[in-house]
Amino acid sequence: MSMSFSAGIKNLYGCVPGLMKVEYHKYASKNKEFADFLSKIYLFFKDKIRFTLVDGILSMEGNGPSTGGLLEKQI
């Protein structure tokens, strides 16, 4: 698990080019390391970001994105 709760900031990981994402996941394999890495990406792009939209209806638990499962809460 790379993050406990990432909300919209993990979307910035899309700014990392192609296969470099895999390498950075290896480099920052622990929660704190990955969170620090995402923070650095945010600090680099923060002046360009106007807003972040987060949809909290469905979320994932487990080892995503390929083997994670949907976390559903009954309302």
N, C-alpha and C. Protein backbone atom coordinates (compact mmCIF):
# COMPACT_ATOMS: atom_id res chain seq x y z
N MET A 1 0.86 -1.17 0.00
CA MET A 1 0.00 0.00 0.00
C MET A 1 0.90 1.23 0.00
N SER A 2 0.64 2.11 -0.95
CA SER A 2 1.47 3.31 -1.06
C SER A 2 0.92 4.49 -0.28
N MET A 3 -0.38 4.55 -0.10
CA MET A 3 -0.98 5.67 0.62
C MET A 3 -2.13 5.16 1.46
N SER A 4 -2.36 5.78 2.60
CA SER A 4 -3.52 5.45 3.41
C SER A 4 -4.75 6.17 2.86
N PHE A 5 -4.58 7.44 2.53
CA PHE A 5 -5.65 8.25 1.93
C PHE A 5 -4.99 9.33 1.11
N SER A 6 -5.23 9.29 -0.19
CA SER A 6 -4.53 10.24 -1.05
C SER A 6 -5.42 11.31 -1.65
N ALA A 7 -6.74 11.06 -1.69
CA ALA A 7 -7.70 12.01 -2.25
C ALA A 7 -7.24 12.50 -3.62
N GLY A 8 -7.23 13.80 -3.85
CA GLY A 8 -6.92 14.34 -5.16
C GLY A 8 -5.44 14.47 -5.47
N ILE A 9 -4.59 14.46 -4.45
CA ILE A 9 -3.16 14.71 -4.71
C ILE A 9 -2.52 13.58 -5.52
N LYS A 10 -3.03 12.36 -5.39
CA LYS A 10 -2.42 11.26 -6.14
C LYS A 10 -2.67 11.41 -7.64
N ASN A 11 -3.67 12.20 -8.02
CA ASN A 11 -3.89 12.46 -9.44
C ASN A 11 -2.67 13.12 -10.07
N LEU A 12 -1.90 13.85 -9.28
CA LEU A 12 -0.70 14.50 -9.80
C LEU A 12 0.36 13.49 -10.23
N TYR A 13 0.23 12.25 -9.76
CA TYR A 13 1.17 11.21 -10.17
C TYR A 13 1.08 10.99 -11.68
N GLY A 14 -0.04 11.38 -12.28
CA GLY A 14 -0.19 11.30 -13.73
C GLY A 14 0.76 12.22 -14.47
N CYS A 15 1.36 13.18 -13.79
CA CYS A 15 2.35 14.07 -14.41
C CYS A 15 3.69 13.39 -14.60
N VAL A 16 3.89 12.25 -13.95
CA VAL A 16 5.13 11.49 -14.09
C VAL A 16 5.05 10.71 -15.40
N PRO A 17 6.04 10.83 -16.27
CA PRO A 17 5.98 10.18 -17.58
C PRO A 17 6.06 8.65 -17.50
N GLY A 18 5.22 7.99 -18.31
CA GLY A 18 5.22 6.56 -18.59
C GLY A 18 5.80 5.62 -17.57
N LEU A 19 6.86 4.93 -17.96
CA LEU A 19 7.46 3.88 -17.12
C LEU A 19 8.17 4.42 -15.89
N MET A 20 8.37 5.72 -15.83
CA MET A 20 9.00 6.30 -14.64
C MET A 20 8.12 6.10 -13.41
N LYS A 21 6.80 5.95 -13.62
CA LYS A 21 5.89 5.71 -12.50
C LYS A 21 6.29 4.43 -11.76
N VAL A 22 6.61 3.40 -12.50
CA VAL A 22 7.02 2.12 -11.91
C VAL A 22 8.30 2.30 -11.10
N GLU A 23 9.25 3.00 -11.67
CA GLU A 23 10.53 3.22 -10.98
C GLU A 23 10.33 4.02 -9.69
N TYR A 24 9.50 5.05 -9.73
CA TYR A 24 9.27 5.85 -8.53
C TYR A 24 8.50 5.08 -7.46
N HIS A 25 7.62 4.16 -7.88
CA HIS A 25 6.93 3.32 -6.90
C HIS A 25 7.94 2.42 -6.19
N LYS A 26 8.95 1.94 -6.92
CA LYS A 26 10.00 1.11 -6.30
C LYS A 26 10.84 1.96 -5.34
N TYR A 27 11.17 3.18 -5.77
CA TYR A 27 11.99 4.09 -4.97
C TYR A 27 11.28 4.50 -3.69
N ALA A 28 9.99 4.77 -3.80
CA ALA A 28 9.21 5.23 -2.65
C ALA A 28 8.18 4.16 -2.30
N SER A 29 8.64 3.03 -1.80
CA SER A 29 7.76 1.89 -1.57
C SER A 29 7.01 1.93 -0.23
N LYS A 30 7.42 2.77 0.68
CA LYS A 30 6.73 2.89 1.97
C LYS A 30 5.79 4.09 1.95
N ASN A 31 4.74 4.04 2.78
CA ASN A 31 3.73 5.10 2.80
C ASN A 31 4.33 6.49 2.93
N LYS A 32 5.20 6.69 3.91
CA LYS A 32 5.78 8.02 4.15
C LYS A 32 6.62 8.48 2.96
N GLU A 33 7.40 7.56 2.39
CA GLU A 33 8.24 7.92 1.25
C GLU A 33 7.38 8.34 0.05
N PHE A 34 6.31 7.58 -0.20
CA PHE A 34 5.45 7.91 -1.33
C PHE A 34 4.70 9.22 -1.08
N ALA A 35 4.25 9.42 0.15
CA ALA A 35 3.58 10.68 0.49
C ALA A 35 4.52 11.86 0.31
N ASP A 36 5.78 11.71 0.71
CA ASP A 36 6.77 12.76 0.51
C ASP A 36 7.00 13.04 -0.97
N PHE A 37 7.04 11.97 -1.75
CA PHE A 37 7.23 12.11 -3.19
C PHE A 37 6.06 12.86 -3.83
N LEU A 38 4.83 12.49 -3.45
CA LEU A 38 3.66 13.19 -3.97
C LEU A 38 3.67 14.66 -3.54
N SER A 39 4.14 14.92 -2.34
CA SER A 39 4.23 16.31 -1.88
C SER A 39 5.20 17.11 -2.73
N LYS A 40 6.30 16.49 -3.13
CA LYS A 40 7.28 17.18 -3.99
C LYS A 40 6.68 17.48 -5.36
N ILE A 41 5.89 16.53 -5.90
CA ILE A 41 5.22 16.78 -7.18
C ILE A 41 4.26 17.95 -7.02
N TYR A 42 3.49 17.94 -5.93
CA TYR A 42 2.55 19.04 -5.68
C TYR A 42 3.28 20.38 -5.60
N LEU A 43 4.37 20.43 -4.84
CA LEU A 43 5.10 21.69 -4.69
C LEU A 43 5.63 22.20 -6.03
N PHE A 44 5.98 21.28 -6.92
CA PHE A 44 6.47 21.67 -8.23
C PHE A 44 5.35 22.29 -9.07
N PHE A 45 4.13 21.74 -8.99
CA PHE A 45 3.02 22.17 -9.83
C PHE A 45 2.02 23.10 -9.13
N LYS A 46 2.23 23.42 -7.86
CA LYS A 46 1.21 24.11 -7.08
C LYS A 46 0.73 25.43 -7.68
N ASP A 47 1.58 26.15 -8.36
CA ASP A 47 1.17 27.43 -8.94
C ASP A 47 0.27 27.26 -10.17
N LYS A 48 0.23 26.05 -10.72
CA LYS A 48 -0.60 25.77 -11.89
C LYS A 48 -1.96 25.18 -11.50
N ILE A 49 -2.09 24.68 -10.28
CA ILE A 49 -3.31 24.00 -9.84
C ILE A 49 -4.34 25.04 -9.42
N ARG A 50 -5.54 24.93 -9.96
CA ARG A 50 -6.61 25.87 -9.62
C ARG A 50 -7.60 25.24 -8.65
N PHE A 51 -7.92 23.97 -8.83
CA PHE A 51 -8.81 23.26 -7.90
C PHE A 51 -8.67 21.76 -8.12
N THR A 52 -9.14 20.98 -7.17
CA THR A 52 -9.16 19.53 -7.27
C THR A 52 -10.55 19.04 -6.90
N LEU A 53 -11.12 18.23 -7.75
CA LEU A 53 -12.43 17.67 -7.50
C LEU A 53 -12.27 16.24 -7.03
N VAL A 54 -12.86 15.92 -5.90
CA VAL A 54 -12.77 14.57 -5.34
C VAL A 54 -14.17 14.00 -5.24
N ASP A 55 -14.39 12.84 -5.83
CA ASP A 55 -15.67 12.14 -5.78
C ASP A 55 -15.53 11.00 -4.78
N GLY A 56 -16.27 11.07 -3.69
CA GLY A 56 -16.11 10.09 -2.63
C GLY A 56 -17.17 9.01 -2.58
N ILE A 57 -17.83 8.72 -3.70
CA ILE A 57 -18.87 7.70 -3.68
C ILE A 57 -18.27 6.30 -3.63
N LEU A 58 -17.25 6.05 -4.44
CA LEU A 58 -16.58 4.76 -4.46
C LEU A 58 -15.11 4.94 -4.13
N SER A 59 -14.56 3.99 -3.42
CA SER A 59 -13.13 4.03 -3.14
C SER A 59 -12.57 2.63 -3.24
N MET A 60 -11.26 2.52 -3.22
CA MET A 60 -10.60 1.23 -3.36
C MET A 60 -9.85 0.89 -2.09
N GLU A 61 -9.84 -0.39 -1.76
CA GLU A 61 -9.02 -0.86 -0.65
C GLU A 61 -8.14 -1.99 -1.15
N GLY A 62 -7.05 -2.22 -0.46
CA GLY A 62 -6.16 -3.31 -0.85
C GLY A 62 -5.05 -2.81 -1.75
N ASN A 63 -4.46 -3.73 -2.48
CA ASN A 63 -3.32 -3.43 -3.33
C ASN A 63 -3.78 -3.02 -4.72
N GLY A 64 -4.16 -1.76 -4.87
CA GLY A 64 -4.63 -1.25 -6.16
C GLY A 64 -3.46 -0.83 -7.02
N PRO A 65 -3.66 -0.42 -8.23
CA PRO A 65 -4.97 -0.38 -8.86
C PRO A 65 -5.40 -1.69 -9.50
N SER A 66 -4.49 -2.63 -9.73
CA SER A 66 -4.87 -3.83 -10.46
C SER A 66 -5.53 -4.90 -9.60
N THR A 67 -5.21 -4.98 -8.31
CA THR A 67 -5.79 -6.04 -7.47
C THR A 67 -6.60 -5.50 -6.31
N GLY A 68 -6.85 -4.21 -6.29
CA GLY A 68 -7.65 -3.62 -5.24
C GLY A 68 -9.13 -3.94 -5.41
N GLY A 69 -9.86 -3.88 -4.33
CA GLY A 69 -11.30 -4.12 -4.39
C GLY A 69 -12.05 -2.86 -4.00
N LEU A 70 -13.31 -2.79 -4.41
CA LEU A 70 -14.12 -1.63 -4.05
C LEU A 70 -14.47 -1.69 -2.58
N LEU A 71 -14.37 -0.56 -1.92
CA LEU A 71 -14.76 -0.41 -0.54
C LEU A 71 -16.12 0.28 -0.56
N GLU A 72 -17.14 -0.45 -0.13
CA GLU A 72 -18.49 0.10 -0.18
C GLU A 72 -19.02 0.27 1.23
N LYS A 73 -19.59 1.41 1.48
CA LYS A 73 -20.18 1.70 2.78
C LYS A 73 -21.68 1.87 2.60
N GLN A 74 -22.42 1.18 3.42
CA GLN A 74 -23.87 1.31 3.37
C GLN A 74 -24.29 2.61 4.02
N ILE A 75 -25.09 3.38 3.31
CA ILE A 75 -25.57 4.66 3.85
C ILE A 75 -27.02 4.52 4.25
